[in-house]
């Protein structure tokens, strides 16, 4: 009898679910279901909808892998201030109530993305590595001994809270200062103010070769990102750095800046690569978590 595992990726406005055979060598789920949870009455209802869909998709999984934003600490979701209702949500207990004794592995979405790269992608075969996710937000995953390091509180790699100068605000002030400078949402906000019309970060990179004002706007965030990756590389001494996330559509602008800073600043510069998985990285990472839990 074929044993199947279940992967769940909780996003701020959507949930993706997928299945695969236990021990499957392929990175891609056999079946994928996507739910829009924007109409849900609170976070618990969004989770309930996802679990109902999971029952329909795979009633008796051999194991479950879950990717979520924020981090799990003391049995609840932390560091999720931008998604109403999720801060303090007892997600592990909700999963236990649904799946009982079935093995359930849960991690944040960026660590899950790194797990996907470790099993199937650009970090495969790497013992010490760094995965940096530049998307709507900004975060990283640290890899040592071929495994993602969780940290003492499950918050290793939350680089969005780094301060890049004495005048920068801090976590205690309600800010994620580096994320507010470098992330896709930060670039979109600054670009919208500059151009006087709504734009996305992707729009800005499309305009970059043709608009000197946009090029000037992007210059500081790209330098900050490159400097941050170099500083992390000095601390961790990784064999390879992998950049992922939604802004990798602009890899042609981002990777050369980071590579130049690594060569200039790091005594033993690591290899630099784009992630193999971008759009569905957390779901594929949740699949990796499930396969490990089922082994």
Protein backbone atom coordinates (compact mmCIF):
# COMPACT_ATOMS: atom_id res chain seq x y z
CA UNK A 1 0.00 0.00 0.00
CA UNK A 2 1.35 3.41 -1.00
CA UNK A 3 2.04 5.78 1.89
CA UNK A 4 1.49 9.43 1.17
CA UNK A 5 2.56 12.56 3.02
CA UNK A 6 0.84 15.93 3.22
CA UNK A 7 2.39 19.40 2.90
CA UNK A 8 0.65 22.60 4.04
CA UNK A 9 1.90 26.13 3.41
CA UNK A 10 0.09 28.82 5.41
CA UNK A 11 0.38 32.27 3.86
CA UNK A 12 -1.11 35.56 4.92
CA UNK A 13 -4.01 35.41 2.44
CA UNK A 14 -3.75 31.89 1.02
CA UNK A 15 -3.01 28.30 1.90
CA UNK A 16 -1.43 25.73 -0.41
CA UNK A 17 -1.64 21.99 0.18
CA UNK A 18 0.15 19.18 -1.63
CA UNK A 19 0.73 15.44 -1.44
CA UNK A 20 3.53 13.06 -2.39
CA UNK A 21 4.49 9.44 -1.91
CA UNK A 22 6.65 8.82 1.16
CA UNK A 23 10.23 8.48 -0.02
CA UNK A 24 9.49 10.22 -3.30
CA UNK A 25 12.64 11.57 -4.99
CA UNK A 26 10.71 14.30 -6.84
CA UNK A 27 10.46 17.82 -5.45
CA UNK A 28 7.04 18.53 -6.88
CA UNK A 29 3.81 17.55 -5.09
CA UNK A 30 1.58 15.13 -6.98
CA UNK A 31 -1.59 17.09 -6.18
CA UNK A 32 -1.83 20.75 -5.17
CA UNK A 33 -4.86 22.57 -3.76
CA UNK A 34 -4.86 26.34 -3.20
CA UNK A 35 -7.28 28.20 -0.92
CA UNK A 36 -7.94 31.93 -0.70
CA UNK A 37 -8.42 32.66 3.02
CA UNK A 38 -9.07 36.40 2.76
CA UNK A 39 -12.75 35.93 3.62
CA UNK A 40 -12.05 33.85 6.72
CA UNK A 41 -13.41 35.17 10.02
CA UNK A 42 -10.11 35.17 11.87
CA UNK A 43 -6.98 33.02 11.84
CA UNK A 44 -8.57 29.97 13.46
CA UNK A 45 -11.24 29.83 10.77
CA UNK A 46 -8.53 30.08 8.10
CA UNK A 47 -6.75 27.12 9.71
CA UNK A 48 -10.04 25.21 9.97
CA UNK A 49 -10.67 25.72 6.25
CA UNK A 50 -7.17 24.46 5.47
CA UNK A 51 -7.59 21.38 7.63
CA UNK A 52 -10.97 20.60 6.07
CA UNK A 53 -9.33 20.76 2.66
CA UNK A 54 -6.54 18.52 3.97
CA UNK A 55 -9.09 15.90 5.06
CA UNK A 56 -10.60 15.91 1.58
CA UNK A 57 -7.21 15.73 -0.10
CA UNK A 58 -5.58 13.06 2.07
CA UNK A 59 -7.61 11.65 4.99
CA UNK A 60 -4.79 9.57 6.53
CA UNK A 61 -1.33 10.98 5.76
CA UNK A 62 1.79 9.11 6.83
CA UNK A 63 3.26 12.45 7.99
CA UNK A 64 2.53 16.15 7.68
CA UNK A 65 4.90 19.03 6.96
CA UNK A 66 3.77 22.58 7.68
CA UNK A 67 5.31 25.92 6.67
CA UNK A 68 4.05 29.11 8.28
CA UNK A 69 5.09 32.74 8.52
CA UNK A 70 6.42 33.92 11.88
CA UNK A 71 8.11 31.48 14.22
CA UNK A 72 6.69 28.93 16.65
CA UNK A 73 7.70 29.50 20.28
CA UNK A 74 6.04 28.10 23.42
CA UNK A 75 3.38 26.49 21.26
CA UNK A 76 2.16 29.67 19.54
CA UNK A 77 2.99 31.76 16.48
CA UNK A 78 5.29 34.71 17.20
CA UNK A 79 6.74 37.49 15.05
CA UNK A 80 3.68 37.70 12.81
CA UNK A 81 2.54 41.30 13.41
CA UNK A 82 1.45 41.93 9.82
CA UNK A 83 -1.17 39.16 9.68
CA UNK A 84 -4.14 39.88 11.97
CA UNK A 85 -5.03 37.07 14.35
CA UNK A 86 -1.89 34.99 13.90
CA UNK A 87 0.24 36.48 16.65
CA UNK A 88 -0.29 34.09 19.57
CA UNK A 89 -2.25 31.52 17.52
CA UNK A 90 -1.78 28.00 19.03
CA UNK A 91 -1.08 26.43 15.64
CA UNK A 92 0.74 23.30 16.94
CA UNK A 93 -2.22 22.42 19.19
CA UNK A 94 -4.66 22.88 16.30
CA UNK A 95 -2.55 20.55 14.18
CA UNK A 96 -2.33 17.94 16.96
CA UNK A 97 -6.10 18.03 17.40
CA UNK A 98 -6.52 17.33 13.69
CA UNK A 99 -3.78 14.78 13.05
CA UNK A 100 -3.46 13.02 16.41
CA UNK A 101 -0.47 10.70 16.52
CA UNK A 102 0.52 11.33 12.91
CA UNK A 103 4.03 12.87 12.80
CA UNK A 104 3.78 16.62 12.15
CA UNK A 105 6.84 18.78 11.39
CA UNK A 106 6.35 22.54 11.44
CA UNK A 107 8.77 25.37 10.62
CA UNK A 108 8.69 28.91 9.34
CA UNK A 109 8.37 29.46 5.61
CA UNK A 110 11.96 30.58 5.05
CA UNK A 111 13.43 27.60 6.90
CA UNK A 112 11.10 25.42 4.85
CA UNK A 113 12.40 27.03 1.66
CA UNK A 114 15.94 26.25 2.80
CA UNK A 115 14.90 22.64 3.48
CA UNK A 116 13.67 22.39 -0.12
CA UNK A 117 16.99 23.73 -1.40
CA UNK A 118 18.89 21.29 0.84
CA UNK A 119 17.00 18.23 -0.38
CA UNK A 120 16.55 19.06 -4.06
CA UNK A 121 17.99 22.44 -4.94
CA UNK A 122 20.90 24.86 -4.78
CA UNK A 123 22.01 23.80 -1.27
CA UNK A 124 22.07 20.09 -2.05
CA UNK A 125 25.29 18.52 -0.73
CA UNK A 126 26.22 21.69 1.19
CA UNK A 127 27.20 21.27 4.84
CA UNK A 128 27.48 24.96 5.78
CA UNK A 129 25.30 27.39 3.87
CA UNK A 130 23.13 30.47 3.97
CA UNK A 131 19.69 30.89 2.41
CA UNK A 132 18.43 34.48 2.14
CA UNK A 133 14.81 35.08 1.19
CA UNK A 134 14.12 38.51 -0.31
CA UNK A 135 10.42 38.84 -1.01
CA UNK A 136 7.58 40.77 0.58
CA UNK A 137 9.66 40.47 3.76
CA UNK A 138 13.29 39.66 4.49
CA UNK A 139 14.63 36.65 6.35
CA UNK A 140 17.35 34.00 6.22
CA UNK A 141 18.03 30.40 7.16
CA UNK A 142 21.38 29.25 8.52
CA UNK A 143 22.60 25.79 7.53
CA UNK A 144 25.24 23.84 9.47
CA UNK A 145 25.97 20.14 9.30
CA UNK A 146 23.56 19.93 6.38
CA UNK A 147 20.63 21.00 8.57
CA UNK A 148 18.74 24.23 9.15
CA UNK A 149 19.61 25.76 12.53
CA UNK A 150 16.49 26.73 14.50
CA UNK A 151 18.21 28.83 17.19
CA UNK A 152 17.34 28.81 20.88
CA UNK A 153 13.86 30.25 20.25
CA UNK A 154 13.22 29.08 16.71
CA UNK A 155 14.15 32.55 15.46
CA UNK A 156 17.59 32.05 13.92
CA UNK A 157 17.89 34.01 10.69
CA UNK A 158 15.29 36.69 11.45
CA UNK A 159 17.56 39.24 9.83
CA UNK A 160 14.74 41.69 9.16
CA UNK A 161 15.30 42.87 12.74
CA UNK A 162 18.95 43.76 12.18
CA UNK A 163 19.86 47.41 12.76
CA UNK A 164 22.11 48.95 10.12
CA UNK A 165 23.12 52.06 12.07
CA UNK A 166 22.76 53.79 15.44
CA UNK A 167 19.76 55.85 14.32
CA UNK A 168 17.78 52.84 13.11
CA UNK A 169 14.66 51.90 15.12
CA UNK A 170 14.56 48.55 16.91
CA UNK A 171 12.28 45.61 17.62
CA UNK A 172 11.28 47.19 20.95
CA UNK A 173 10.00 50.20 18.98
CA UNK A 174 7.71 47.99 16.91
CA UNK A 175 9.98 47.90 13.89
CA UNK A 176 11.85 45.41 11.73
CA UNK A 177 14.40 47.99 10.53
CA UNK A 178 16.30 46.05 7.89
CA UNK A 179 13.11 44.61 6.42
CA UNK A 180 11.71 48.13 6.26
CA UNK A 181 14.67 49.09 4.05
CA UNK A 182 15.37 46.10 1.84
CA UNK A 183 12.21 44.00 1.34
CA UNK A 184 9.84 44.03 -1.60
CA UNK A 185 7.14 45.77 0.43
CA UNK A 186 9.63 48.48 1.48
CA UNK A 187 10.76 49.06 -2.12
CA UNK A 188 7.15 49.23 -3.32
CA UNK A 189 6.30 51.78 -0.64
CA UNK A 190 9.29 53.99 -1.49
CA UNK A 191 8.72 53.63 -5.23
CA UNK A 192 5.06 54.56 -4.90
CA UNK A 193 6.04 57.71 -2.99
CA UNK A 194 8.68 58.60 -5.58
CA UNK A 195 6.55 58.08 -8.68
CA UNK A 196 3.22 59.21 -7.29
CA UNK A 197 1.42 56.05 -8.40
CA UNK A 198 1.19 52.50 -7.06
CA UNK A 199 4.13 50.33 -8.14
CA UNK A 200 5.56 47.00 -7.07
CA UNK A 201 9.20 46.19 -6.44
CA UNK A 202 9.18 44.25 -9.73
CA UNK A 203 7.97 47.40 -11.51
CA UNK A 204 10.91 49.33 -10.08
CA UNK A 205 13.45 46.82 -11.38
CA UNK A 206 11.81 47.02 -14.83
CA UNK A 207 12.19 50.81 -14.71
CA UNK A 208 15.74 50.76 -13.32
CA UNK A 209 17.64 50.82 -16.66
CA UNK A 210 15.53 53.72 -17.97
CA UNK A 211 14.86 55.98 -14.96
CA UNK A 212 17.79 57.53 -13.05
CA UNK A 213 15.54 58.42 -10.11
CA UNK A 214 14.48 54.80 -9.72
CA UNK A 215 18.10 53.67 -10.07
CA UNK A 216 19.06 56.06 -7.26
CA UNK A 217 16.20 54.83 -5.09
CA UNK A 218 17.27 51.18 -5.49
CA UNK A 219 20.96 51.84 -4.99
CA UNK A 220 20.92 52.10 -1.19
CA UNK A 221 18.69 49.04 -0.53
CA UNK A 222 20.76 46.89 -2.88
CA UNK A 223 23.98 48.01 -1.21
CA UNK A 224 22.45 47.29 2.20
CA UNK A 225 21.36 43.83 1.10
CA UNK A 226 24.79 43.04 -0.33
CA UNK A 227 26.53 44.30 2.81
CA UNK A 228 24.20 42.26 5.03
CA UNK A 229 24.84 39.05 3.08
CA UNK A 230 28.58 39.69 3.27
CA UNK A 231 28.44 40.29 7.03
CA UNK A 232 26.45 37.10 7.54
CA UNK A 233 28.99 35.23 5.42
CA UNK A 234 31.85 36.51 7.57
CA UNK A 235 30.05 35.19 10.67
CA UNK A 236 28.95 31.82 9.27
CA UNK A 237 31.72 31.10 6.72
CA UNK A 238 29.32 29.30 4.36
CA UNK A 239 30.31 27.20 1.40
CA UNK A 240 27.39 28.59 -0.61
CA UNK A 241 24.91 31.45 -0.32
CA UNK A 242 21.54 30.99 -2.01
CA UNK A 243 19.22 33.92 -2.68
CA UNK A 244 15.51 33.16 -2.99
CA UNK A 245 12.17 34.90 -2.72
CA UNK A 246 9.91 36.94 -4.94
CA UNK A 247 12.54 39.52 -5.90
CA UNK A 248 14.59 36.87 -7.68
CA UNK A 249 12.82 37.95 -10.84
CA UNK A 250 15.38 40.75 -10.66
CA UNK A 251 18.30 38.37 -10.09
CA UNK A 252 20.23 40.02 -12.92
CA UNK A 253 20.35 43.23 -10.90
CA UNK A 254 20.68 41.72 -7.42
CA UNK A 255 23.17 38.84 -7.72
CA UNK A 256 26.03 40.84 -9.29
CA UNK A 257 25.84 43.43 -6.47
CA UNK A 258 25.92 40.72 -3.82
CA UNK A 259 28.70 38.79 -5.56
CA UNK A 260 30.88 41.89 -5.81
CA UNK A 261 30.42 42.65 -2.10
CA UNK A 262 31.22 39.04 -1.13
CA UNK A 263 34.45 39.21 -3.14
CA UNK A 264 35.38 42.54 -1.58
CA UNK A 265 34.49 41.91 2.06
CA UNK A 266 34.66 38.20 2.89
CA UNK A 267 38.08 36.59 3.50
CA UNK A 268 36.91 33.31 1.97
CA UNK A 269 34.05 34.29 -0.36
CA UNK A 270 31.32 31.66 -0.69
CA UNK A 271 29.73 30.54 -3.90
CA UNK A 272 26.58 32.50 -4.77
CA UNK A 273 23.53 30.96 -6.45
CA UNK A 274 19.89 31.72 -7.15
CA UNK A 275 17.37 29.43 -5.48
CA UNK A 276 15.90 26.61 -7.54
CA UNK A 277 12.48 27.11 -5.94
CA UNK A 278 10.84 30.53 -5.76
CA UNK A 279 7.06 30.73 -6.00
CA UNK A 280 6.25 27.45 -4.23
CA UNK A 281 9.36 27.25 -2.06
CA UNK A 282 7.49 27.03 1.30
CA UNK A 283 5.14 24.32 -0.01
CA UNK A 284 8.00 22.26 -1.44
CA UNK A 285 9.87 22.84 1.82
CA UNK A 286 6.85 21.60 3.80
CA UNK A 287 6.91 18.53 1.57
CA UNK A 288 10.57 17.99 2.52
CA UNK A 289 9.66 18.31 6.21
CA UNK A 290 6.90 15.73 5.78
CA UNK A 291 9.16 13.27 3.97
CA UNK A 292 11.75 13.56 6.73
CA UNK A 293 9.09 13.04 9.40
CA UNK A 294 7.80 9.95 7.59
CA UNK A 295 11.22 8.34 7.17
